[in-house]
Amino acid sequence: MKPILPTLKENPRYVLFKIKSSSDFSKIDAQKHILVECKQFLGELGIAKSGLNFISFDKKFQLGVIRTNSKYLDETKAALTLIKKLCSKKVKIDVLKVSGMLNKLHIETFKKT
């Protein structure tokens, strides 16, 4: 079986987001509820096509990274900004940066602000 050519592979994009809320969320709570809320907006087929995957989450600074397909980047960003509640608490999710490489996000610079 021949491998897939690099030009035919889908390019991942990494989305760095920040949860703004009066309460803190654990990694498990944030992951579960964010994916459920994105599923409501995108649907199961949209989640499958976008390849939405939760990469990491920092509990102290409430910063997280989600991987998505480059073709569904706008839909993923819209789904994140439309989230109003997590664990029945009011939140606002801001998309801080998008990158094609995980190393280029420089999460440490966003932890300072």
Protein backbone atom coordinates (compact mmCIF):
# COMPACT_ATOMS: atom_id res chain seq x y z
CA MET A 1 0.00 0.00 0.00
CA LYS A 2 1.40 3.38 -1.02
CA PRO A 3 1.63 6.20 1.53
CA ILE A 4 -0.41 9.37 1.05
CA LEU A 5 1.40 12.13 -0.79
CA PRO A 6 2.20 15.22 1.31
CA THR A 7 0.11 17.41 -0.99
CA LEU A 8 -2.97 15.29 -0.30
CA LYS A 9 -2.66 15.37 3.50
CA GLU A 10 -4.82 17.77 5.44
CA ASN A 11 -2.95 20.47 7.30
CA PRO A 12 -3.59 20.81 11.03
CA ARG A 13 -4.03 24.16 12.74
CA TYR A 14 -3.58 24.73 16.45
CA VAL A 15 -5.90 27.23 18.15
CA LEU A 16 -4.82 28.82 21.43
CA PHE A 17 -7.77 29.99 23.51
CA LYS A 18 -8.35 31.55 26.92
CA ILE A 19 -11.36 30.99 29.16
CA LYS A 20 -12.48 34.16 30.94
CA SER A 21 -14.63 33.37 33.96
CA SER A 22 -14.88 34.09 37.65
CA SER A 23 -14.28 30.39 38.46
CA ASP A 24 -11.52 27.99 37.46
CA PHE A 25 -12.05 24.82 35.45
CA SER A 26 -10.10 21.58 35.59
CA LYS A 27 -8.68 20.06 32.43
CA ILE A 28 -11.27 17.27 32.35
CA ASP A 29 -14.22 19.64 32.83
CA ALA A 30 -12.96 22.09 30.21
CA GLN A 31 -12.23 19.35 27.69
CA LYS A 32 -15.55 17.59 28.11
CA HIS A 33 -17.75 20.67 28.06
CA ILE A 34 -15.93 22.51 25.26
CA LEU A 35 -16.15 19.49 22.97
CA VAL A 36 -19.86 19.06 23.80
CA GLU A 37 -20.57 22.73 23.06
CA CYS A 38 -18.61 22.60 19.79
CA LYS A 39 -20.56 19.49 18.86
CA GLN A 40 -23.81 21.43 19.27
CA PHE A 41 -22.62 24.07 16.82
CA LEU A 42 -20.77 21.90 14.28
CA GLY A 43 -22.69 18.65 14.60
CA GLU A 44 -21.17 15.19 14.61
CA LEU A 45 -20.28 15.30 10.93
CA GLY A 46 -18.62 18.71 11.34
CA ILE A 47 -16.59 17.47 14.31
CA ALA A 48 -15.46 14.47 12.28
CA LYS A 49 -14.50 16.54 9.23
CA SER A 50 -12.69 19.17 11.26
CA GLY A 51 -10.80 16.56 13.27
CA LEU A 52 -11.34 18.59 16.42
CA ASN A 53 -8.97 17.36 19.14
CA PHE A 54 -8.22 18.80 22.56
CA ILE A 55 -4.42 19.01 22.94
CA SER A 56 -3.66 20.68 26.27
CA PHE A 57 -5.06 22.89 29.00
CA ASP A 58 -3.39 24.96 31.73
CA LYS A 59 -5.59 25.14 34.82
CA LYS A 60 -3.74 28.03 36.45
CA PHE A 61 -3.95 30.43 33.50
CA GLN A 62 -7.07 28.90 31.87
CA LEU A 63 -5.28 28.56 28.51
CA GLY A 64 -5.93 25.68 26.15
CA VAL A 65 -4.97 24.37 22.71
CA ILE A 66 -7.26 22.64 20.23
CA ARG A 67 -6.16 21.01 16.96
CA THR A 68 -8.39 21.35 13.91
CA ASN A 69 -8.25 20.99 10.15
CA SER A 70 -7.19 24.09 8.21
CA LYS A 71 -10.35 23.98 6.10
CA TYR A 72 -12.57 24.16 9.20
CA LEU A 73 -10.60 26.81 11.07
CA ASP A 74 -13.26 29.51 10.81
CA GLU A 75 -16.01 27.15 11.96
CA THR A 76 -13.91 26.05 14.93
CA LYS A 77 -13.19 29.63 15.95
CA ALA A 78 -16.88 30.49 15.65
CA ALA A 79 -17.85 27.47 17.76
CA LEU A 80 -15.42 28.50 20.49
CA THR A 81 -16.63 32.10 20.60
CA LEU A 82 -20.29 31.00 20.75
CA ILE A 83 -19.75 29.09 24.01
CA LYS A 84 -21.48 31.04 26.78
CA LYS A 85 -21.65 28.46 29.60
CA LEU A 86 -19.38 25.71 30.88
CA CYS A 87 -20.52 23.59 33.83
CA SER A 88 -23.52 25.98 34.16
CA LYS A 89 -21.17 28.94 34.78
CA LYS A 90 -20.94 31.99 32.54
CA VAL A 91 -17.77 32.11 30.47
CA LYS A 92 -16.28 33.90 27.52
CA ILE A 93 -13.74 32.13 25.33
CA ASP A 94 -11.25 34.24 23.40
CA VAL A 95 -9.19 32.85 20.54
CA LEU A 96 -5.72 34.30 21.08
CA LYS A 97 -3.63 32.81 18.31
CA VAL A 98 -3.70 30.26 15.48
CA SER A 99 -0.63 28.47 14.21
CA GLY A 100 0.30 25.59 11.93
CA MET A 101 2.96 24.40 14.36
CA LEU A 102 2.42 23.69 18.03
CA ASN A 103 5.86 25.06 18.96
CA LYS A 104 5.09 28.46 17.43
CA LEU A 105 2.21 29.24 19.77
CA HIS A 106 4.56 30.47 22.54
CA ILE A 107 2.09 29.80 25.32
CA GLU A 108 4.50 31.26 27.89
CA THR A 109 4.07 34.76 26.44
CA PHE A 110 0.30 34.55 26.95
CA LYS A 111 0.73 33.33 30.54
CA LYS A 112 2.37 36.65 31.45
CA THR A 113 -0.64 38.72 30.42
